[in-house]
Each structure stands twice: as C-alpha cells, then as structure tokens.
Amino acid sequence: MTDQKLILILKTCICVGLCLILLGLYLHNFSEAVEAMGVRGIIISAVCVAFGMVLSLPTKMYLTFILVKREADKNQ
C-alpha cells in the first residue's frame, strides 16, 4: 500500500470519527427521541462518541508519525 493511499484512509477515519463524535453530542444535547428513550438513549449517544474517539485519536497519532517519517526521509 502506498503512502498516499494510507494517508487518505487515515484522513477518512479521522473524518468519520469526528462525525461520530458530533453525532453523539447532537443526540445527547438536542434530540428529543434520545431523551424519550431514557438510559438506552444515553447509551446510544455515548457509543457514538466512544467509537468516534476510537477512530479519530489513534489515527491522528499514526498519521503524524507517518508524516514526520516521510519528511525525515525526504530531508536525507
């Protein structure tokens, strides 16, 4: 897999993760349907935020590592 393709996949994971975090926040703060569900609705919004963080945070660290490594290889 080329670096460009890997970087594109990682950026896509970051975007999907951020969208899931925003969806979870929207569901928790503004959705009346989730409020009507009670505890189950809170769990749904929390799962969205959790999966969003799982997708976005480690991906950012790995993407930063790849970009720094690529920059170091370019300078040598």
PDB file of N, CA and C in Angstrom:
ATOM      1  N   MET A   1       0.852  -1.164   0.000  1.00  0.00           N
ATOM      2  CA  MET A   1       0.000   0.000   0.000  1.00  0.00           C
ATOM      3  C   MET A   1       0.909   1.242   0.000  1.00  0.00           C
ATOM      4  N   THR A   2       0.607   2.151  -0.862  1.00  0.00           N
ATOM      5  CA  THR A   2       1.425   3.355  -0.959  1.00  0.00           C
ATOM      6  C   THR A   2       1.118   4.313   0.194  1.00  0.00           C
ATOM      7  N   ASP A   3       2.055   5.225   0.422  1.00  0.00           N
ATOM      8  CA  ASP A   3       1.853   6.199   1.497  1.00  0.00           C
ATOM      9  C   ASP A   3       0.655   7.097   1.230  1.00  0.00           C
ATOM     10  N   GLN A   4       0.457   7.476  -0.018  1.00  0.00           N
ATOM     11  CA  GLN A   4      -0.670   8.363  -0.348  1.00  0.00           C
ATOM     12  C   GLN A   4      -2.005   7.693  -0.039  1.00  0.00           C
ATOM     13  N   LYS A   5      -2.110   6.412  -0.372  1.00  0.00           N
ATOM     14  CA  LYS A   5      -3.359   5.691  -0.127  1.00  0.00           C
ATOM     15  C   LYS A   5      -3.586   5.506   1.380  1.00  0.00           C
ATOM     16  N   LEU A   6      -2.509   5.201   2.105  1.00  0.00           N
ATOM     17  CA  LEU A   6      -2.614   5.031   3.546  1.00  0.00           C
ATOM     18  C   LEU A   6      -3.010   6.340   4.214  1.00  0.00           C
ATOM     19  N   ILE A   7      -2.421   7.440   3.779  1.00  0.00           N
ATOM     20  CA  ILE A   7      -2.765   8.750   4.339  1.00  0.00           C
ATOM     21  C   ILE A   7      -4.220   9.092   4.053  1.00  0.00           C
ATOM     22  N   LEU A   8      -4.700   8.771   2.863  1.00  0.00           N
ATOM     23  CA  LEU A   8      -6.107   9.022   2.529  1.00  0.00           C
ATOM     24  C   LEU A   8      -7.038   8.207   3.423  1.00  0.00           C
ATOM     25  N   ILE A   9      -6.702   6.954   3.659  1.00  0.00           N
ATOM     26  CA  ILE A   9      -7.524   6.103   4.524  1.00  0.00           C
ATOM     27  C   ILE A   9      -7.528   6.644   5.954  1.00  0.00           C
ATOM     28  N   LEU A  10      -6.361   7.077   6.443  1.00  0.00           N
ATOM     29  CA  LEU A  10      -6.278   7.611   7.798  1.00  0.00           C
ATOM     30  C   LEU A  10      -7.065   8.913   7.939  1.00  0.00           C
ATOM     31  N   LYS A  11      -6.980   9.771   6.938  1.00  0.00           N
ATOM     32  CA  LYS A  11      -7.750  11.016   6.983  1.00  0.00           C
ATOM     33  C   LYS A  11      -9.248  10.733   6.949  1.00  0.00           C
ATOM     34  N   THR A  12      -9.647   9.727   6.194  1.00  0.00           N
ATOM     35  CA  THR A  12     -11.055   9.346   6.149  1.00  0.00           C
ATOM     36  C   THR A  12     -11.520   8.830   7.510  1.00  0.00           C
ATOM     37  N   CYS A  13     -10.672   8.032   8.172  1.00  0.00           N
ATOM     38  CA  CYS A  13     -11.018   7.545   9.515  1.00  0.00           C
ATOM     39  C   CYS A  13     -11.164   8.698  10.500  1.00  0.00           C
ATOM     40  N   ILE A  14     -10.287   9.689  10.386  1.00  0.00           N
ATOM     41  CA  ILE A  14     -10.383  10.858  11.265  1.00  0.00           C
ATOM     42  C   ILE A  14     -11.707  11.582  11.029  1.00  0.00           C
ATOM     43  N   CYS A  15     -12.078  11.776   9.766  1.00  0.00           N
ATOM     44  CA  CYS A  15     -13.330  12.481   9.448  1.00  0.00           C
ATOM     45  C   CYS A  15     -14.546  11.712   9.946  1.00  0.00           C
ATOM     46  N   VAL A  16     -14.547  10.397   9.751  1.00  0.00           N
ATOM     47  CA  VAL A  16     -15.661   9.576  10.230  1.00  0.00           C
ATOM     48  C   VAL A  16     -15.733   9.626  11.758  1.00  0.00           C
ATOM     49  N   GLY A  17     -14.579   9.576  12.413  1.00  0.00           N
ATOM     50  CA  GLY A  17     -14.547   9.658  13.870  1.00  0.00           C
ATOM     51  C   GLY A  17     -15.090  10.976  14.382  1.00  0.00           C
ATOM     52  N   LEU A  18     -14.680  12.069  13.767  1.00  0.00           N
ATOM     53  CA  LEU A  18     -15.191  13.380  14.182  1.00  0.00           C
ATOM     54  C   LEU A  18     -16.690  13.498  13.934  1.00  0.00           C
ATOM     55  N   CYS A  19     -17.165  12.940  12.824  1.00  0.00           N
ATOM     56  CA  CYS A  19     -18.609  12.956  12.553  1.00  0.00           C
ATOM     57  C   CYS A  19     -19.377  12.150  13.597  1.00  0.00           C
ATOM     58  N   LEU A  20     -18.833  11.014  14.012  1.00  0.00           N
ATOM     59  CA  LEU A  20     -19.496  10.223  15.050  1.00  0.00           C
ATOM     60  C   LEU A  20     -19.512  10.955  16.385  1.00  0.00           C
ATOM     61  N   ILE A  21     -18.431  11.650  16.705  1.00  0.00           N
ATOM     62  CA  ILE A  21     -18.407  12.427  17.947  1.00  0.00           C
ATOM     63  C   ILE A  21     -19.464  13.522  17.898  1.00  0.00           C
ATOM     64  N   LEU A  22     -19.540  14.234  16.778  1.00  0.00           N
ATOM     65  CA  LEU A  22     -20.548  15.284  16.643  1.00  0.00           C
ATOM     66  C   LEU A  22     -21.967  14.717  16.677  1.00  0.00           C
ATOM     67  N   LEU A  23     -22.166  13.548  16.067  1.00  0.00           N
ATOM     68  CA  LEU A  23     -23.481  12.905  16.119  1.00  0.00           C
ATOM     69  C   LEU A  23     -23.856  12.552  17.553  1.00  0.00           C
ATOM     70  N   GLY A  24     -22.904  12.005  18.291  1.00  0.00           N
ATOM     71  CA  GLY A  24     -23.171  11.668  19.692  1.00  0.00           C
ATOM     72  C   GLY A  24     -23.510  12.888  20.524  1.00  0.00           C
ATOM     73  N   LEU A  25     -22.788  13.984  20.294  1.00  0.00           N
ATOM     74  CA  LEU A  25     -23.088  15.218  21.021  1.00  0.00           C
ATOM     75  C   LEU A  25     -24.459  15.767  20.647  1.00  0.00           C
ATOM     76  N   TYR A  26     -24.784  15.698  19.358  1.00  0.00           N
ATOM     77  CA  TYR A  26     -26.110  16.160  18.933  1.00  0.00           C
ATOM     78  C   TYR A  26     -27.203  15.305  19.573  1.00  0.00           C
ATOM     79  N   LEU A  27     -27.026  13.997  19.527  1.00  0.00           N
ATOM     80  CA  LEU A  27     -28.042  13.115  20.099  1.00  0.00           C
ATOM     81  C   LEU A  27     -28.219  13.379  21.592  1.00  0.00           C
ATOM     82  N   HIS A  28     -27.112  13.589  22.280  1.00  0.00           N
ATOM     83  CA  HIS A  28     -27.187  13.768  23.722  1.00  0.00           C
ATOM     84  C   HIS A  28     -27.805  15.117  24.109  1.00  0.00           C
ATOM     85  N   ASN A  29     -27.483  16.159  23.353  1.00  0.00           N
ATOM     86  CA  ASN A  29     -27.912  17.501  23.758  1.00  0.00           C
ATOM     87  C   ASN A  29     -29.217  17.975  23.132  1.00  0.00           C
ATOM     88  N   PHE A  30     -29.502  17.584  21.897  1.00  0.00           N
ATOM     89  CA  PHE A  30     -30.602  18.208  21.168  1.00  0.00           C
ATOM     90  C   PHE A  30     -31.710  17.264  20.711  1.00  0.00           C
ATOM     91  N   SER A  31     -31.520  15.977  20.776  1.00  0.00           N
ATOM     92  CA  SER A  31     -32.502  15.040  20.240  1.00  0.00           C
ATOM     93  C   SER A  31     -33.531  14.665  21.311  1.00  0.00           C
ATOM     94  N   GLU A  32     -34.781  14.927  20.994  1.00  0.00           N
ATOM     95  CA  GLU A  32     -35.848  14.581  21.935  1.00  0.00           C
ATOM     96  C   GLU A  32     -36.141  13.080  21.922  1.00  0.00           C
ATOM     97  N   ALA A  33     -35.857  12.424  20.809  1.00  0.00           N
ATOM     98  CA  ALA A  33     -36.085  10.977  20.733  1.00  0.00           C
ATOM     99  C   ALA A  33     -35.170  10.231  21.691  1.00  0.00           C
ATOM    100  N   VAL A  34     -33.921  10.663  21.760  1.00  0.00           N
ATOM    101  CA  VAL A  34     -32.972  10.026  22.673  1.00  0.00           C
ATOM    102  C   VAL A  34     -33.372  10.313  24.113  1.00  0.00           C
ATOM    103  N   GLU A  35     -33.860  11.507  24.367  1.00  0.00           N
ATOM    104  CA  GLU A  35     -34.315  11.857  25.716  1.00  0.00           C
ATOM    105  C   GLU A  35     -35.502  10.986  26.127  1.00  0.00           C
ATOM    106  N   ALA A  36     -36.387  10.707  25.179  1.00  0.00           N
ATOM    107  CA  ALA A  36     -37.552   9.877  25.474  1.00  0.00           C
ATOM    108  C   ALA A  36     -37.171   8.423  25.734  1.00  0.00           C
ATOM    109  N   MET A  37     -36.044   7.978  25.180  1.00  0.00           N
ATOM    110  CA  MET A  37     -35.598   6.598  25.379  1.00  0.00           C
ATOM    111  C   MET A  37     -35.037   6.360  26.776  1.00  0.00           C
ATOM    112  N   GLY A  38     -34.625   7.410  27.435  1.00  0.00           N
ATOM    113  CA  GLY A  38     -34.088   7.265  28.790  1.00  0.00           C
ATOM    114  C   GLY A  38     -32.643   6.797  28.759  1.00  0.00           C
ATOM    115  N   VAL A  39     -32.354   5.794  29.570  1.00  0.00           N
ATOM    116  CA  VAL A  39     -30.987   5.296  29.692  1.00  0.00           C
ATOM    117  C   VAL A  39     -30.486   4.708  28.376  1.00  0.00           C
ATOM    118  N   ARG A  40     -31.345   4.043  27.659  1.00  0.00           N
ATOM    119  CA  ARG A  40     -30.947   3.458  26.378  1.00  0.00           C
ATOM    120  C   ARG A  40     -30.505   4.545  25.387  1.00  0.00           C
ATOM    121  N   GLY A  41     -31.157   5.670  25.396  1.00  0.00           N
ATOM    122  CA  GLY A  41     -30.768   6.780  24.532  1.00  0.00           C
ATOM    123  C   GLY A  41     -29.417   7.362  24.921  1.00  0.00           C
ATOM    124  N   ILE A  42     -29.161   7.440  26.213  1.00  0.00           N
ATOM    125  CA  ILE A  42     -27.862   7.930  26.676  1.00  0.00           C
ATOM    126  C   ILE A  42     -26.765   6.965  26.245  1.00  0.00           C
ATOM    127  N   ILE A  43     -27.031   5.683  26.324  1.00  0.00           N
ATOM    128  CA  ILE A  43     -26.052   4.679  25.897  1.00  0.00           C
ATOM    129  C   ILE A  43     -25.774   4.802  24.405  1.00  0.00           C
ATOM    130  N   ILE A  44     -26.798   5.040  23.606  1.00  0.00           N
ATOM    131  CA  ILE A  44     -26.615   5.193  22.161  1.00  0.00           C
ATOM    132  C   ILE A  44     -25.720   6.388  21.853  1.00  0.00           C
ATOM    133  N   SER A  45     -25.983   7.512  22.503  1.00  0.00           N
ATOM    134  CA  SER A  45     -25.161   8.692  22.241  1.00  0.00           C
ATOM    135  C   SER A  45     -23.736   8.483  22.747  1.00  0.00           C
ATOM    136  N   ALA A  46     -23.574   7.804  23.870  1.00  0.00           N
ATOM    137  CA  ALA A  46     -22.236   7.539  24.404  1.00  0.00           C
ATOM    138  C   ALA A  46     -21.451   6.591  23.504  1.00  0.00           C
ATOM    139  N   VAL A  47     -22.124   5.624  22.903  1.00  0.00           N
ATOM    140  CA  VAL A  47     -21.455   4.700  21.983  1.00  0.00           C
ATOM    141  C   VAL A  47     -20.971   5.444  20.743  1.00  0.00           C
ATOM    142  N   CYS A  48     -21.768   6.378  20.251  1.00  0.00           N
ATOM    143  CA  CYS A  48     -21.332   7.182  19.100  1.00  0.00           C
ATOM    144  C   CYS A  48     -20.069   7.966  19.421  1.00  0.00           C
ATOM    145  N   VAL A  49     -20.042   8.597  20.585  1.00  0.00           N
ATOM    146  CA  VAL A  49     -18.858   9.368  20.979  1.00  0.00           C
ATOM    147  C   VAL A  49     -17.664   8.436  21.179  1.00  0.00           C
ATOM    148  N   ALA A  50     -17.878   7.292  21.801  1.00  0.00           N
ATOM    149  CA  ALA A  50     -16.767   6.362  22.068  1.00  0.00           C
ATOM    150  C   ALA A  50     -16.160   5.840  20.767  1.00  0.00           C
ATOM    151  N   PHE A  51     -16.997   5.399  19.828  1.00  0.00           N
ATOM    152  CA  PHE A  51     -16.457   4.908  18.555  1.00  0.00           C
ATOM    153  C   PHE A  51     -15.786   6.031  17.773  1.00  0.00           C
ATOM    154  N   GLY A  52     -16.323   7.236  17.882  1.00  0.00           N
ATOM    155  CA  GLY A  52     -15.684   8.369  17.225  1.00  0.00           C
ATOM    156  C   GLY A  52     -14.300   8.630  17.775  1.00  0.00           C
ATOM    157  N   MET A  53     -14.139   8.527  19.073  1.00  0.00           N
ATOM    158  CA  MET A  53     -12.814   8.723  19.669  1.00  0.00           C
ATOM    159  C   MET A  53     -11.870   7.589  19.309  1.00  0.00           C
ATOM    160  N   VAL A  54     -12.388   6.377  19.264  1.00  0.00           N
ATOM    161  CA  VAL A  54     -11.555   5.234  18.872  1.00  0.00           C
ATOM    162  C   VAL A  54     -11.053   5.412  17.448  1.00  0.00           C
ATOM    163  N   LEU A  55     -11.881   5.949  16.574  1.00  0.00           N
ATOM    164  CA  LEU A  55     -11.464   6.145  15.186  1.00  0.00           C
ATOM    165  C   LEU A  55     -10.547   7.345  15.011  1.00  0.00           C
ATOM    166  N   SER A  56     -10.758   8.395  15.767  1.00  0.00           N
ATOM    167  CA  SER A  56     -10.022   9.620  15.465  1.00  0.00           C
ATOM    168  C   SER A  56      -8.704   9.768  16.218  1.00  0.00           C
ATOM    169  N   LEU A  57      -8.647   9.458  17.491  1.00  0.00           N
ATOM    170  CA  LEU A  57      -7.445   9.760  18.266  1.00  0.00           C
ATOM    171  C   LEU A  57      -6.226   8.922  17.890  1.00  0.00           C
ATOM    172  N   PRO A  58      -6.287   7.599  17.883  1.00  0.00           N
ATOM    173  CA  PRO A  58      -5.085   6.839  17.500  1.00  0.00           C
ATOM    174  C   PRO A  58      -4.695   7.071  16.038  1.00  0.00           C
ATOM    175  N   THR A  59      -5.678   7.340  15.213  1.00  0.00           N
ATOM    176  CA  THR A  59      -5.400   7.592  13.804  1.00  0.00           C
ATOM    177  C   THR A  59      -4.592   8.869  13.641  1.00  0.00           C
ATOM    178  N   LYS A  60      -4.889   9.893  14.423  1.00  0.00           N
ATOM    179  CA  LYS A  60      -4.134  11.143  14.356  1.00  0.00           C
ATOM    180  C   LYS A  60      -2.675  10.920  14.737  1.00  0.00           C
ATOM    181  N   MET A  61      -2.437  10.135  15.768  1.00  0.00           N
ATOM    182  CA  MET A  61      -1.063   9.872  16.192  1.00  0.00           C
ATOM    183  C   MET A  61      -0.307   9.100  15.115  1.00  0.00           C
ATOM    184  N   TYR A  62      -0.938   8.094  14.524  1.00  0.00           N
ATOM    185  CA  TYR A  62      -0.276   7.304  13.492  1.00  0.00           C
ATOM    186  C   TYR A  62      -0.027   8.135  12.240  1.00  0.00           C
ATOM    187  N   LEU A  63      -0.985   8.963  11.870  1.00  0.00           N
ATOM    188  CA  LEU A  63      -0.815   9.835  10.709  1.00  0.00           C
ATOM    189  C   LEU A  63       0.328  10.822  10.942  1.00  0.00           C
ATOM    190  N   THR A  64       0.421  11.372  12.131  1.00  0.00           N
ATOM    191  CA  THR A  64       1.524  12.272  12.449  1.00  0.00           C
ATOM    192  C   THR A  64       2.861  11.544  12.353  1.00  0.00           C
ATOM    193  N   PHE A  65       2.928  10.314  12.847  1.00  0.00           N
ATOM    194  CA  PHE A  65       4.154   9.520  12.767  1.00  0.00           C
ATOM    195  C   PHE A  65       4.556   9.282  11.314  1.00  0.00           C
ATOM    196  N   ILE A  66       3.601   8.945  10.469  1.00  0.00           N
ATOM    197  CA  ILE A  66       3.895   8.699   9.049  1.00  0.00           C
ATOM    198  C   ILE A  66       4.392   9.971   8.374  1.00  0.00           C
ATOM    199  N   LEU A  67       3.739  11.093   8.639  1.00  0.00           N
ATOM    200  CA  LEU A  67       4.148  12.344   8.000  1.00  0.00           C
ATOM    201  C   LEU A  67       5.534  12.798   8.458  1.00  0.00           C
ATOM    202  N   VAL A  68       5.840  12.639   9.745  1.00  0.00           N
ATOM    203  CA  VAL A  68       7.167  13.011  10.246  1.00  0.00           C
ATOM    204  C   VAL A  68       8.228  12.101   9.645  1.00  0.00           C
ATOM    205  N   LYS A  69       7.931  10.816   9.563  1.00  0.00           N
ATOM    206  CA  LYS A  69       8.881   9.862   8.969  1.00  0.00           C
ATOM    207  C   LYS A  69       9.117  10.185   7.492  1.00  0.00           C
ATOM    208  N   ARG A  70       8.050  10.514   6.780  1.00  0.00           N
ATOM    209  CA  ARG A  70       8.179  10.844   5.361  1.00  0.00           C
ATOM    210  C   ARG A  70       8.996  12.133   5.172  1.00  0.00           C
ATOM    211  N   GLU A  71       8.783  13.112   6.036  1.00  0.00           N
ATOM    212  CA  GLU A  71       9.533  14.357   5.965  1.00  0.00           C
ATOM    213  C   GLU A  71      11.013  14.122   6.268  1.00  0.00           C
ATOM    214  N   ALA A  72      11.308  13.262   7.253  1.00  0.00           N
ATOM    215  CA  ALA A  72      12.694  12.952   7.581  1.00  0.00           C
ATOM    216  C   ALA A  72      13.381  12.218   6.432  1.00  0.00           C
ATOM    217  N   ASP A  73      12.673  11.314   5.778  1.00  0.00           N
ATOM    218  CA  ASP A  73      13.239  10.603   4.625  1.00  0.00           C
ATOM    219  C   ASP A  73      13.485  11.544   3.465  1.00  0.00           C
ATOM    220  N   LYS A  74      12.617  12.533   3.308  1.00  0.00           N
ATOM    221  CA  LYS A  74      12.764  13.490   2.213  1.00  0.00           C
ATOM    222  C   LYS A  74      13.993  14.382   2.430  1.00  0.00           C
ATOM    223  N   ASN A  75      14.263  14.739   3.698  1.00  0.00           N
ATOM    224  CA  ASN A  75      15.404  15.600   4.005  1.00  0.00           C
ATOM    225  C   ASN A  75      16.743  14.886   3.847  1.00  0.00           C
ATOM    226  N   GLN A  76      16.757  13.579   3.956  1.00  0.00           N
ATOM    227  CA  GLN A  76      18.007  12.826   3.841  1.00  0.00           C
ATOM    228  C   GLN A  76      18.308  12.512   2.444  1.00  0.00           C
TER     229      GLN A  76
END
